[in-house]
Amino acid sequence: MSKVFARNLLFNKQVMATDGTEIGTLSNIVIEIKGGRIIDLMVTPNPAFDASRYKKEDNYILIPFDSVSAVKDYIIIDKMKARV
């Protein structure tokens, strides 16, 4: 993904996988301070989503920004790239 404007990463935006699985809701982002690069999306997982294969912090799962394939009405991620 080449560029994403911050205004497109609205908090409370739904995060979905390329296969249509609803992963959860964007709660926050983790940014590298020195370069300003987005590292992770902090997602509040849907209760039905199995988050056992994902990196966790408190009640959130951390989705590497490198796994994002599109940002439109939803944030679309590749689950295989997001797993630990």
PDB file of N, CA and C in Angstrom:
ATOM      1  N   MET A   1       0.853  -1.163   0.000  1.00  0.00           N
ATOM      2  CA  MET A   1       0.000   0.000   0.000  1.00  0.00           C
ATOM      3  C   MET A   1       0.898   1.225   0.000  1.00  0.00           C
ATOM      4  N   SER A   2       0.701   2.113  -0.933  1.00  0.00           N
ATOM      5  CA  SER A   2       1.614   3.241  -1.086  1.00  0.00           C
ATOM      6  C   SER A   2       1.369   4.353  -0.067  1.00  0.00           C
ATOM      7  N   LYS A   3       0.208   4.985  -0.083  1.00  0.00           N
ATOM      8  CA  LYS A   3      -0.075   6.082   0.833  1.00  0.00           C
ATOM      9  C   LYS A   3      -1.483   5.945   1.384  1.00  0.00           C
ATOM     10  N   VAL A   4      -1.621   6.304   2.655  1.00  0.00           N
ATOM     11  CA  VAL A   4      -2.931   6.375   3.288  1.00  0.00           C
ATOM     12  C   VAL A   4      -2.954   7.656   4.094  1.00  0.00           C
ATOM     13  N   PHE A   5      -3.966   8.466   3.902  1.00  0.00           N
ATOM     14  CA  PHE A   5      -4.085   9.691   4.669  1.00  0.00           C
ATOM     15  C   PHE A   5      -4.736   9.391   6.011  1.00  0.00           C
ATOM     16  N   ALA A   6      -4.295  10.067   7.044  1.00  0.00           N
ATOM     17  CA  ALA A   6      -4.799   9.837   8.400  1.00  0.00           C
ATOM     18  C   ALA A   6      -6.317   9.995   8.464  1.00  0.00           C
ATOM     19  N   ARG A   7      -6.877  10.907   7.694  1.00  0.00           N
ATOM     20  CA  ARG A   7      -8.329  11.105   7.740  1.00  0.00           C
ATOM     21  C   ARG A   7      -9.093   9.851   7.294  1.00  0.00           C
ATOM     22  N   ASN A   8      -8.430   8.957   6.542  1.00  0.00           N
ATOM     23  CA  ASN A   8      -9.071   7.715   6.110  1.00  0.00           C
ATOM     24  C   ASN A   8      -9.019   6.634   7.189  1.00  0.00           C
ATOM     25  N   LEU A   9      -8.228   6.849   8.227  1.00  0.00           N
ATOM     26  CA  LEU A   9      -8.118   5.878   9.322  1.00  0.00           C
ATOM     27  C   LEU A   9      -8.930   6.353  10.522  1.00  0.00           C
ATOM     28  N   LEU A  10     -10.190   6.619  10.295  1.00  0.00           N
ATOM     29  CA  LEU A  10     -11.057   7.071  11.370  1.00  0.00           C
ATOM     30  C   LEU A  10     -11.193   5.980  12.414  1.00  0.00           C
ATOM     31  N   PHE A  11     -11.134   6.394  13.667  1.00  0.00           N
ATOM     32  CA  PHE A  11     -11.327   5.427  14.730  1.00  0.00           C
ATOM     33  C   PHE A  11     -12.778   4.967  14.692  1.00  0.00           C
ATOM     34  N   ASN A  12     -13.007   3.769  15.140  1.00  0.00           N
ATOM     35  CA  ASN A  12     -14.304   3.086  15.093  1.00  0.00           C
ATOM     36  C   ASN A  12     -14.648   2.595  13.687  1.00  0.00           C
ATOM     37  N   LYS A  13     -13.676   2.613  12.762  1.00  0.00           N
ATOM     38  CA  LYS A  13     -13.884   2.056  11.424  1.00  0.00           C
ATOM     39  C   LYS A  13     -13.745   0.536  11.527  1.00  0.00           C
ATOM     40  N   GLN A  14     -14.579  -0.184  10.818  1.00  0.00           N
ATOM     41  CA  GLN A  14     -14.557  -1.643  10.848  1.00  0.00           C
ATOM     42  C   GLN A  14     -13.327  -2.182  10.120  1.00  0.00           C
ATOM     43  N   VAL A  15     -12.756  -3.242  10.682  1.00  0.00           N
ATOM     44  CA  VAL A  15     -11.603  -3.921  10.092  1.00  0.00           C
ATOM     45  C   VAL A  15     -12.073  -5.304   9.656  1.00  0.00           C
ATOM     46  N   MET A  16     -11.849  -5.616   8.380  1.00  0.00           N
ATOM     47  CA  MET A  16     -12.270  -6.902   7.817  1.00  0.00           C
ATOM     48  C   MET A  16     -11.089  -7.561   7.121  1.00  0.00           C
ATOM     49  N   ALA A  17     -11.170  -8.880   7.007  1.00  0.00           N
ATOM     50  CA  ALA A  17     -10.162  -9.644   6.277  1.00  0.00           C
ATOM     51  C   ALA A  17     -10.577  -9.744   4.814  1.00  0.00           C
ATOM     52  N   THR A  18      -9.630 -10.101   3.979  1.00  0.00           N
ATOM     53  CA  THR A  18      -9.904 -10.239   2.542  1.00  0.00           C
ATOM     54  C   THR A  18     -10.939 -11.318   2.268  1.00  0.00           C
ATOM     55  N   ASP A  19     -11.117 -12.265   3.200  1.00  0.00           N
ATOM     56  CA  ASP A  19     -12.119 -13.317   3.015  1.00  0.00           C
ATOM     57  C   ASP A  19     -13.489 -12.933   3.559  1.00  0.00           C
ATOM     58  N   GLY A  20     -13.652 -11.671   4.026  1.00  0.00           N
ATOM     59  CA  GLY A  20     -14.942 -11.192   4.514  1.00  0.00           C
ATOM     60  C   GLY A  20     -15.152 -11.338   6.014  1.00  0.00           C
ATOM     61  N   THR A  21     -14.198 -11.924   6.716  1.00  0.00           N
ATOM     62  CA  THR A  21     -14.312 -12.078   8.162  1.00  0.00           C
ATOM     63  C   THR A  21     -14.256 -10.711   8.834  1.00  0.00           C
ATOM     64  N   GLU A  22     -15.210 -10.446   9.714  1.00  0.00           N
ATOM     65  CA  GLU A  22     -15.199  -9.198  10.474  1.00  0.00           C
ATOM     66  C   GLU A  22     -14.279  -9.370  11.676  1.00  0.00           C
ATOM     67  N   ILE A  23     -13.173  -8.651  11.654  1.00  0.00           N
ATOM     68  CA  ILE A  23     -12.163  -8.793  12.701  1.00  0.00           C
ATOM     69  C   ILE A  23     -12.501  -7.938  13.913  1.00  0.00           C
ATOM     70  N   GLY A  24     -12.867  -6.691  13.694  1.00  0.00           N
ATOM     71  CA  GLY A  24     -13.193  -5.816  14.807  1.00  0.00           C
ATOM     72  C   GLY A  24     -13.264  -4.366  14.391  1.00  0.00           C
ATOM     73  N   THR A  25     -13.003  -3.491  15.354  1.00  0.00           N
ATOM     74  CA  THR A  25     -13.122  -2.057  15.162  1.00  0.00           C
ATOM     75  C   THR A  25     -11.802  -1.371  15.483  1.00  0.00           C
ATOM     76  N   LEU A  26     -11.363  -0.473  14.614  1.00  0.00           N
ATOM     77  CA  LEU A  26     -10.129   0.270  14.850  1.00  0.00           C
ATOM     78  C   LEU A  26     -10.296   1.163  16.072  1.00  0.00           C
ATOM     79  N   SER A  27      -9.382   1.006  17.040  1.00  0.00           N
ATOM     80  CA  SER A  27      -9.429   1.814  18.259  1.00  0.00           C
ATOM     81  C   SER A  27      -8.321   2.844  18.308  1.00  0.00           C
ATOM     82  N   ASN A  28      -7.160   2.502  17.757  1.00  0.00           N
ATOM     83  CA  ASN A  28      -6.024   3.408  17.802  1.00  0.00           C
ATOM     84  C   ASN A  28      -4.980   2.917  16.807  1.00  0.00           C
ATOM     85  N   ILE A  29      -3.922   3.693  16.630  1.00  0.00           N
ATOM     86  CA  ILE A  29      -2.817   3.279  15.774  1.00  0.00           C
ATOM     87  C   ILE A  29      -1.511   3.470  16.533  1.00  0.00           C
ATOM     88  N   VAL A  30      -0.505   2.676  16.172  1.00  0.00           N
ATOM     89  CA  VAL A  30       0.834   2.790  16.751  1.00  0.00           C
ATOM     90  C   VAL A  30       1.731   3.353  15.652  1.00  0.00           C
ATOM     91  N   ILE A  31       2.392   4.473  15.969  1.00  0.00           N
ATOM     92  CA  ILE A  31       3.214   5.184  14.988  1.00  0.00           C
ATOM     93  C   ILE A  31       4.653   5.243  15.454  1.00  0.00           C
ATOM     94  N   GLU A  32       5.580   5.058  14.512  1.00  0.00           N
ATOM     95  CA  GLU A  32       7.007   5.258  14.791  1.00  0.00           C
ATOM     96  C   GLU A  32       7.223   6.771  14.860  1.00  0.00           C
ATOM     97  N   ILE A  33       7.681   7.244  15.993  1.00  0.00           N
ATOM     98  CA  ILE A  33       7.804   8.689  16.205  1.00  0.00           C
ATOM     99  C   ILE A  33       8.834   9.316  15.275  1.00  0.00           C
ATOM    100  N   LYS A  34       9.978   8.696  15.132  1.00  0.00           N
ATOM    101  CA  LYS A  34      11.059   9.308  14.345  1.00  0.00           C
ATOM    102  C   LYS A  34      10.669   9.513  12.880  1.00  0.00           C
ATOM    103  N   GLY A  35      10.092   8.502  12.252  1.00  0.00           N
ATOM    104  CA  GLY A  35       9.771   8.609  10.831  1.00  0.00           C
ATOM    105  C   GLY A  35       8.309   8.861  10.532  1.00  0.00           C
ATOM    106  N   GLY A  36       7.436   8.687  11.538  1.00  0.00           N
ATOM    107  CA  GLY A  36       6.012   8.889  11.331  1.00  0.00           C
ATOM    108  C   GLY A  36       5.309   7.751  10.643  1.00  0.00           C
ATOM    109  N   ARG A  37       5.981   6.611  10.527  1.00  0.00           N
ATOM    110  CA  ARG A  37       5.411   5.442   9.852  1.00  0.00           C
ATOM    111  C   ARG A  37       4.430   4.724  10.771  1.00  0.00           C
ATOM    112  N   ILE A  38       3.278   4.308  10.234  1.00  0.00           N
ATOM    113  CA  ILE A  38       2.313   3.532  11.011  1.00  0.00           C
ATOM    114  C   ILE A  38       2.846   2.110  11.138  1.00  0.00           C
ATOM    115  N   ILE A  39       2.922   1.627  12.359  1.00  0.00           N
ATOM    116  CA  ILE A  39       3.432   0.283  12.616  1.00  0.00           C
ATOM    117  C   ILE A  39       2.290  -0.714  12.762  1.00  0.00           C
ATOM    118  N   ASP A  40       1.354  -0.423  13.658  1.00  0.00           N
ATOM    119  CA  ASP A  40       0.255  -1.348  13.945  1.00  0.00           C
ATOM    120  C   ASP A  40      -1.069  -0.609  14.039  1.00  0.00           C
ATOM    121  N   LEU A  41      -2.148  -1.356  13.782  1.00  0.00           N
ATOM    122  CA  LEU A  41      -3.500  -0.909  14.078  1.00  0.00           C
ATOM    123  C   LEU A  41      -3.902  -1.601  15.373  1.00  0.00           C
ATOM    124  N   MET A  42      -4.448  -0.855  16.313  1.00  0.00           N
ATOM    125  CA  MET A  42      -4.971  -1.435  17.546  1.00  0.00           C
ATOM    126  C   MET A  42      -6.465  -1.644  17.324  1.00  0.00           C
ATOM    127  N   VAL A  43      -6.876  -2.907  17.341  1.00  0.00           N
ATOM    128  CA  VAL A  43      -8.239  -3.264  16.977  1.00  0.00           C
ATOM    129  C   VAL A  43      -8.935  -3.921  18.169  1.00  0.00           C
ATOM    130  N   THR A  44     -10.150  -3.459  18.467  1.00  0.00           N
ATOM    131  CA  THR A  44     -10.998  -4.128  19.445  1.00  0.00           C
ATOM    132  C   THR A  44     -11.667  -5.274  18.694  1.00  0.00           C
ATOM    133  N   PRO A  45     -11.328  -6.530  19.043  1.00  0.00           N
ATOM    134  CA  PRO A  45     -11.854  -7.644  18.252  1.00  0.00           C
ATOM    135  C   PRO A  45     -13.341  -7.882  18.476  1.00  0.00           C
ATOM    136  N   ASN A  46     -14.018  -8.348  17.424  1.00  0.00           N
ATOM    137  CA  ASN A  46     -15.398  -8.796  17.563  1.00  0.00           C
ATOM    138  C   ASN A  46     -15.407  -9.992  18.500  1.00  0.00           C
ATOM    139  N   PRO A  47     -16.421 -10.142  19.331  1.00  0.00           N
ATOM    140  CA  PRO A  47     -16.458 -11.261  20.275  1.00  0.00           C
ATOM    141  C   PRO A  47     -16.392 -12.639  19.593  1.00  0.00           C
ATOM    142  N   ALA A  48     -16.916 -12.751  18.392  1.00  0.00           N
ATOM    143  CA  ALA A  48     -16.927 -14.036  17.685  1.00  0.00           C
ATOM    144  C   ALA A  48     -15.615 -14.336  16.959  1.00  0.00           C
ATOM    145  N   PHE A  49     -14.711 -13.354  16.885  1.00  0.00           N
ATOM    146  CA  PHE A  49     -13.462 -13.535  16.143  1.00  0.00           C
ATOM    147  C   PHE A  49     -12.425 -14.249  17.003  1.00  0.00           C
ATOM    148  N   ASP A  50     -11.787 -15.275  16.450  1.00  0.00           N
ATOM    149  CA  ASP A  50     -10.733 -16.011  17.151  1.00  0.00           C
ATOM    150  C   ASP A  50      -9.418 -15.239  17.011  1.00  0.00           C
ATOM    151  N   ALA A  51      -9.042 -14.544  18.065  1.00  0.00           N
ATOM    152  CA  ALA A  51      -7.840 -13.697  18.039  1.00  0.00           C
ATOM    153  C   ALA A  51      -6.617 -14.401  18.601  1.00  0.00           C
ATOM    154  N   SER A  52      -6.684 -15.716  18.773  1.00  0.00           N
ATOM    155  CA  SER A  52      -5.597 -16.450  19.425  1.00  0.00           C
ATOM    156  C   SER A  52      -4.283 -16.434  18.636  1.00  0.00           C
ATOM    157  N   ARG A  53      -4.316 -16.210  17.351  1.00  0.00           N
ATOM    158  CA  ARG A  53      -3.087 -16.222  16.534  1.00  0.00           C
ATOM    159  C   ARG A  53      -2.543 -14.825  16.235  1.00  0.00           C
ATOM    160  N   TYR A  54      -3.014 -13.856  16.993  1.00  0.00           N
ATOM    161  CA  TYR A  54      -2.620 -12.478  16.760  1.00  0.00           C
ATOM    162  C   TYR A  54      -1.914 -11.908  17.980  1.00  0.00           C
ATOM    163  N   LYS A  55      -1.031 -10.940  17.740  1.00  0.00           N
ATOM    164  CA  LYS A  55      -0.338 -10.257  18.826  1.00  0.00           C
ATOM    165  C   LYS A  55      -1.376  -9.436  19.592  1.00  0.00           C
ATOM    166  N   LYS A  56      -1.299  -9.482  20.923  1.00  0.00           N
ATOM    167  CA  LYS A  56      -2.278  -8.788  21.746  1.00  0.00           C
ATOM    168  C   LYS A  56      -1.612  -7.786  22.672  1.00  0.00           C
ATOM    169  N   GLU A  57      -2.362  -6.756  23.012  1.00  0.00           N
ATOM    170  CA  GLU A  57      -1.951  -5.786  24.021  1.00  0.00           C
ATOM    171  C   GLU A  57      -3.225  -5.351  24.742  1.00  0.00           C
ATOM    172  N   ASP A  58      -3.295  -5.655  26.016  1.00  0.00           N
ATOM    173  CA  ASP A  58      -4.501  -5.406  26.812  1.00  0.00           C
ATOM    174  C   ASP A  58      -5.692  -6.089  26.135  1.00  0.00           C
ATOM    175  N   ASN A  59      -6.739  -5.345  25.851  1.00  0.00           N
ATOM    176  CA  ASN A  59      -7.939  -5.925  25.231  1.00  0.00           C
ATOM    177  C   ASN A  59      -7.953  -5.762  23.713  1.00  0.00           C
ATOM    178  N   TYR A  60      -6.805  -5.423  23.131  1.00  0.00           N
ATOM    179  CA  TYR A  60      -6.718  -5.163  21.697  1.00  0.00           C
ATOM    180  C   TYR A  60      -5.872  -6.232  21.010  1.00  0.00           C
ATOM    181  N   ILE A  61      -6.110  -6.387  19.715  1.00  0.00           N
ATOM    182  CA  ILE A  61      -5.168  -7.151  18.900  1.00  0.00           C
ATOM    183  C   ILE A  61      -4.412  -6.135  18.058  1.00  0.00           C
ATOM    184  N   LEU A  62      -3.136  -6.409  17.832  1.00  0.00           N
ATOM    185  CA  LEU A  62      -2.295  -5.516  17.037  1.00  0.00           C
ATOM    186  C   LEU A  62      -2.157  -6.098  15.644  1.00  0.00           C
ATOM    187  N   ILE A  63      -2.609  -5.362  14.671  1.00  0.00           N
ATOM    188  CA  ILE A  63      -2.553  -5.776  13.268  1.00  0.00           C
ATOM    189  C   ILE A  63      -1.449  -4.975  12.601  1.00  0.00           C
ATOM    190  N   PRO A  64      -0.402  -5.632  12.089  1.00  0.00           N
ATOM    191  CA  PRO A  64       0.667  -4.884  11.412  1.00  0.00           C
ATOM    192  C   PRO A  64       0.104  -4.103  10.221  1.00  0.00           C
ATOM    193  N   PHE A  65       0.510  -2.853  10.106  1.00  0.00           N
ATOM    194  CA  PHE A  65       0.003  -2.029   9.018  1.00  0.00           C
ATOM    195  C   PHE A  65       0.407  -2.593   7.659  1.00  0.00           C
ATOM    196  N   ASP A  66       1.487  -3.337   7.611  1.00  0.00           N
ATOM    197  CA  ASP A  66       1.924  -3.964   6.358  1.00  0.00           C
ATOM    198  C   ASP A  66       0.905  -4.960   5.817  1.00  0.00           C
ATOM    199  N   SER A  67      -0.015  -5.434   6.677  1.00  0.00           N
ATOM    200  CA  SER A  67      -1.012  -6.394   6.228  1.00  0.00           C
ATOM    201  C   SER A  67      -2.263  -5.720   5.653  1.00  0.00           C
ATOM    202  N   VAL A  68      -2.332  -4.388   5.706  1.00  0.00           N
ATOM    203  CA  VAL A  68      -3.481  -3.651   5.162  1.00  0.00           C
ATOM    204  C   VAL A  68      -3.393  -3.655   3.647  1.00  0.00           C
ATOM    205  N   SER A  69      -4.489  -4.078   3.009  1.00  0.00           N
ATOM    206  CA  SER A  69      -4.500  -4.097   1.546  1.00  0.00           C
ATOM    207  C   SER A  69      -5.368  -2.981   0.963  1.00  0.00           C
ATOM    208  N   ALA A  70      -6.326  -2.450   1.743  1.00  0.00           N
ATOM    209  CA  ALA A  70      -7.182  -1.374   1.251  1.00  0.00           C
ATOM    210  C   ALA A  70      -7.808  -0.628   2.425  1.00  0.00           C
ATOM    211  N   VAL A  71      -8.046   0.661   2.203  1.00  0.00           N
ATOM    212  CA  VAL A  71      -8.760   1.475   3.175  1.00  0.00           C
ATOM    213  C   VAL A  71      -9.844   2.212   2.411  1.00  0.00           C
ATOM    214  N   LYS A  72     -11.064   1.766   2.592  1.00  0.00           N
ATOM    215  CA  LYS A  72     -12.226   2.394   1.937  1.00  0.00           C
ATOM    216  C   LYS A  72     -13.286   2.575   3.015  1.00  0.00           C
ATOM    217  N   ASP A  73     -14.470   1.999   2.806  1.00  0.00           N
ATOM    218  CA  ASP A  73     -15.501   2.018   3.838  1.00  0.00           C
ATOM    219  C   ASP A  73     -15.067   1.162   5.024  1.00  0.00           C
ATOM    220  N   TYR A  74     -14.268   0.144   4.745  1.00  0.00           N
ATOM    221  CA  TYR A  74     -13.685  -0.741   5.749  1.00  0.00           C
ATOM    222  C   TYR A  74     -12.171  -0.705   5.575  1.00  0.00           C
ATOM    223  N   ILE A  75     -11.468  -1.130   6.613  1.00  0.00           N
ATOM    224  CA  ILE A  75     -10.030  -1.378   6.481  1.00  0.00           C
ATOM    225  C   ILE A  75      -9.913  -2.867   6.188  1.00  0.00           C
ATOM    226  N   ILE A  76      -9.320  -3.217   5.060  1.00  0.00           N
ATOM    227  CA  ILE A  76      -9.204  -4.613   4.639  1.00  0.00           C
ATOM    228  C   ILE A  76      -7.778  -5.086   4.900  1.00  0.00           C
ATOM    229  N   ILE A  77      -7.654  -6.225   5.586  1.00  0.00           N
ATOM    230  CA  ILE A  77      -6.325  -6.769   5.870  1.00  0.00           C
ATOM    231  C   ILE A  77      -6.213  -8.205   5.375  1.00  0.00           C
ATOM    232  N   ASP A  78      -4.986  -8.618   5.149  1.00  0.00           N
ATOM    233  CA  ASP A  78      -4.674 -10.005   4.798  1.00  0.00           C
ATOM    234  C   ASP A  78      -4.369 -10.728   6.103  1.00  0.00           C
ATOM    235  N   LYS A  79      -5.251 -11.649   6.516  1.00  0.00           N
ATOM    236  CA  LYS A  79      -5.085 -12.341   7.801  1.00  0.00           C
ATOM    237  C   LYS A  79      -3.778 -13.107   7.883  1.00  0.00           C
ATOM    238  N   MET A  80      -3.330 -13.677   6.788  1.00  0.00           N
ATOM    239  CA  MET A  80      -2.092 -14.468   6.819  1.00  0.00           C
ATOM    240  C   MET A  80      -0.874 -13.593   7.129  1.00  0.00           C
ATOM    241  N   LYS A  81      -0.864 -12.356   6.665  1.00  0.00           N
ATOM    242  CA  LYS A  81       0.233 -11.442   6.953  1.00  0.00           C
ATOM    243  C   LYS A  81       0.146 -10.873   8.364  1.00  0.00           C
ATOM    244  N   ALA A  82      -1.053 -10.883   8.954  1.00  0.00           N
ATOM    245  CA  ALA A  82      -1.270 -10.255  10.261  1.00  0.00           C
ATOM    246  C   ALA A  82      -0.989 -11.191  11.427  1.00  0.00           C
ATOM    247  N   ARG A  83      -0.959 -12.482  11.183  1.00  0.00           N
ATOM    248  CA  ARG A  83      -0.773 -13.445  12.276  1.00  0.00           C
ATOM    249  C   ARG A  83       0.680 -13.494  12.736  1.00  0.00           C
ATOM    250  N   VAL A  84       0.835 -13.874  14.021  1.00  0.00           N
ATOM    251  CA  VAL A  84       2.200 -14.023  14.561  1.00  0.00           C
ATOM    252  C   VAL A  84       2.718 -15.411  14.326  1.00  0.00           C
TER     253      VAL A  84
END
